[in-house]
Amino acid sequence: MNLRALVSVAGKPGLFKLVGQNKSGFILETLDEQKIKSVVNLSSAKMATLEDITIYGDDEELKLIDILERIKERGDVPSAKSDSNTLREFFREVAPDHDEQRVYTSDIKKIINWYLIIRELPLFHEEAVSDSSPEQAAE
């Protein structure tokens, strides 16, 4: 799974693809067929790449990309509209070491929604690009 250019913007639903940068901020594109572009100014909006997002863990933070890989391996995903108990049980399976006190049901819903968005994209089946491998960067 290659999540390199995918970002989440606080206060905006869904995910975006980072397509460029200009003087006033970053240029983002929606992931749907409309491909609507917008500019996000970092002084007024909080943005995070999916590669960098972590989830609270019991001992150490868990990388979102690892959790998404486990969801992919599991195959069946409950609806984000499922009841809280169903979502918690599912998340215990894919992220057994998460901190149940600090990871809210709303966080689980968001992760499921993000997974449902990215599984439809070609990058879902791509290998993650490693910064340490010059051969991959050249391809």
Protein backbone atom coordinates (compact mmCIF):
# COMPACT_ATOMS: atom_id res chain seq x y z
CA MET A 1 0.00 0.00 0.00
CA ASN A 2 1.51 3.32 -1.09
CA LEU A 3 0.11 6.22 0.94
CA ARG A 4 2.88 8.70 0.15
CA ALA A 5 0.82 11.55 -1.34
CA LEU A 6 -2.42 11.04 0.63
CA VAL A 7 -3.29 13.58 3.30
CA SER A 8 -5.99 14.29 5.80
CA VAL A 9 -6.99 17.88 6.54
CA ALA A 10 -8.49 18.74 9.92
CA GLY A 11 -12.06 19.93 9.50
CA LYS A 12 -12.46 18.52 5.98
CA PRO A 13 -14.06 15.13 5.39
CA GLY A 14 -12.31 12.46 3.35
CA LEU A 15 -8.80 12.23 2.01
CA PHE A 16 -6.86 14.28 -0.50
CA LYS A 17 -3.94 13.79 -2.84
CA LEU A 18 -1.07 16.26 -2.47
CA VAL A 19 -0.34 17.47 -6.01
CA GLY A 20 1.85 20.53 -5.50
CA GLN A 21 2.78 23.62 -3.58
CA ASN A 22 2.53 27.34 -4.21
CA LYS A 23 3.22 30.53 -2.23
CA SER A 24 0.03 30.35 -0.23
CA GLY A 25 0.08 26.64 0.66
CA PHE A 26 -0.32 23.11 -0.63
CA ILE A 27 -2.45 22.17 -3.63
CA LEU A 28 -4.73 19.24 -2.86
CA GLU A 29 -6.99 17.21 -5.13
CA THR A 30 -10.04 15.19 -4.13
CA LEU A 31 -9.83 11.45 -4.69
CA ASP A 32 -13.19 11.16 -6.45
CA GLU A 33 -13.91 11.42 -10.18
CA GLN A 34 -14.38 15.19 -9.98
CA LYS A 35 -10.70 15.79 -9.03
CA ILE A 36 -11.50 19.16 -7.45
CA LYS A 37 -8.36 21.08 -6.56
CA SER A 38 -8.03 23.40 -3.58
CA VAL A 39 -5.23 25.21 -1.77
CA VAL A 40 -4.67 24.60 1.93
CA ASN A 41 -2.74 27.20 3.90
CA LEU A 42 -0.82 25.55 6.73
CA SER A 43 -1.12 28.64 8.92
CA SER A 44 -4.89 28.13 9.09
CA ALA A 45 -5.30 24.37 8.54
CA LYS A 46 -3.75 21.26 10.03
CA MET A 47 -2.69 18.63 7.51
CA ALA A 48 -1.13 15.18 8.00
CA THR A 49 0.06 12.54 5.54
CA LEU A 50 -1.38 9.09 6.13
CA GLU A 51 2.16 7.69 6.28
CA ASP A 52 2.88 9.85 9.32
CA ILE A 53 -0.33 9.23 11.29
CA THR A 54 -0.04 7.03 14.36
CA ILE A 55 -2.61 5.59 16.73
CA TYR A 56 -2.22 5.53 20.51
CA GLY A 57 -0.89 2.18 21.65
CA ASP A 58 -0.55 0.54 25.05
CA ASP A 59 3.25 0.55 24.91
CA GLU A 60 4.14 2.49 21.77
CA GLU A 61 2.30 4.28 19.00
CA LEU A 62 0.97 2.16 16.14
CA LYS A 63 1.47 3.25 12.53
CA LEU A 64 -1.74 3.76 10.58
CA ILE A 65 -0.23 2.07 7.52
CA ASP A 66 0.34 -1.13 9.55
CA ILE A 67 -3.26 -1.11 10.75
CA LEU A 68 -4.53 -0.56 7.19
CA GLU A 69 -2.40 -3.51 6.01
CA ARG A 70 -3.98 -5.73 8.69
CA ILE A 71 -7.44 -4.59 7.61
CA LYS A 72 -6.50 -5.44 4.02
CA GLU A 73 -5.34 -8.93 5.08
CA ARG A 74 -8.53 -9.51 7.06
CA GLY A 75 -10.69 -8.67 4.07
CA ASP A 76 -14.12 -8.03 5.54
CA VAL A 77 -14.68 -4.62 7.08
CA PRO A 78 -17.73 -3.59 9.10
CA SER A 79 -19.65 -0.52 8.07
CA ALA A 80 -18.46 2.67 9.73
CA LYS A 81 -22.12 3.05 10.78
CA SER A 82 -22.01 -0.19 12.79
CA ASP A 83 -22.62 -0.02 16.54
CA SER A 84 -19.77 0.85 18.88
CA ASN A 85 -19.28 -2.72 20.15
CA THR A 86 -18.90 -4.12 16.61
CA LEU A 87 -16.36 -1.43 15.73
CA ARG A 88 -14.39 -1.99 18.95
CA GLU A 89 -14.26 -5.78 18.40
CA PHE A 90 -13.06 -5.27 14.83
CA PHE A 91 -10.39 -2.80 15.93
CA ARG A 92 -9.16 -5.15 18.67
CA GLU A 93 -8.46 -7.69 15.91
CA VAL A 94 -6.59 -5.35 13.55
CA ALA A 95 -4.86 -3.23 16.23
CA PRO A 96 -4.70 -5.43 19.34
CA ASP A 97 -2.22 -3.17 21.15
CA HIS A 98 -4.18 0.08 20.77
CA ASP A 99 -5.01 2.13 23.86
CA GLU A 100 -8.76 1.68 24.27
CA GLN A 101 -9.01 4.71 26.56
CA ARG A 102 -7.50 7.15 24.05
CA VAL A 103 -8.70 5.69 20.73
CA TYR A 104 -12.33 6.72 20.39
CA THR A 105 -15.07 5.09 18.35
CA SER A 106 -15.02 8.19 16.11
CA ASP A 107 -11.32 7.47 15.37
CA ILE A 108 -12.17 3.89 14.41
CA LYS A 109 -14.97 5.12 12.11
CA LYS A 110 -12.55 7.54 10.46
CA ILE A 111 -9.96 4.80 9.86
CA ILE A 112 -12.61 2.50 8.37
CA ASN A 113 -13.86 5.30 6.10
CA TRP A 114 -10.30 6.06 4.98
CA TYR A 115 -9.72 2.37 4.25
CA LEU A 116 -12.90 2.20 2.16
CA ILE A 117 -11.72 5.23 0.16
CA ILE A 118 -8.18 4.01 -0.54
CA ARG A 119 -9.07 0.41 -1.36
CA GLU A 120 -10.66 1.68 -4.59
CA LEU A 121 -7.46 3.44 -5.68
CA PRO A 122 -4.59 1.94 -7.74
CA LEU A 123 -2.10 2.86 -5.00
CA PHE A 124 -3.86 0.35 -2.72
CA HIS A 125 -2.07 -2.45 -4.56
CA GLU A 126 1.29 -0.64 -4.93
CA GLU A 127 4.22 -1.33 -2.67
CA ALA A 128 5.11 1.43 -0.23
CA VAL A 129 8.00 3.53 -1.49
CA SER A 130 11.00 3.50 0.82
CA ASP A 131 13.17 6.61 1.17
CA SER A 132 16.22 4.42 1.80
CA SER A 133 16.04 2.55 -1.52
CA PRO A 134 17.56 4.54 -4.42
CA GLU A 135 16.48 1.90 -6.95
CA GLN A 136 12.80 2.36 -6.08
CA ALA A 137 13.08 6.14 -6.14
CA ALA A 138 14.55 6.01 -9.65
CA GLU A 139 11.69 3.90 -11.06
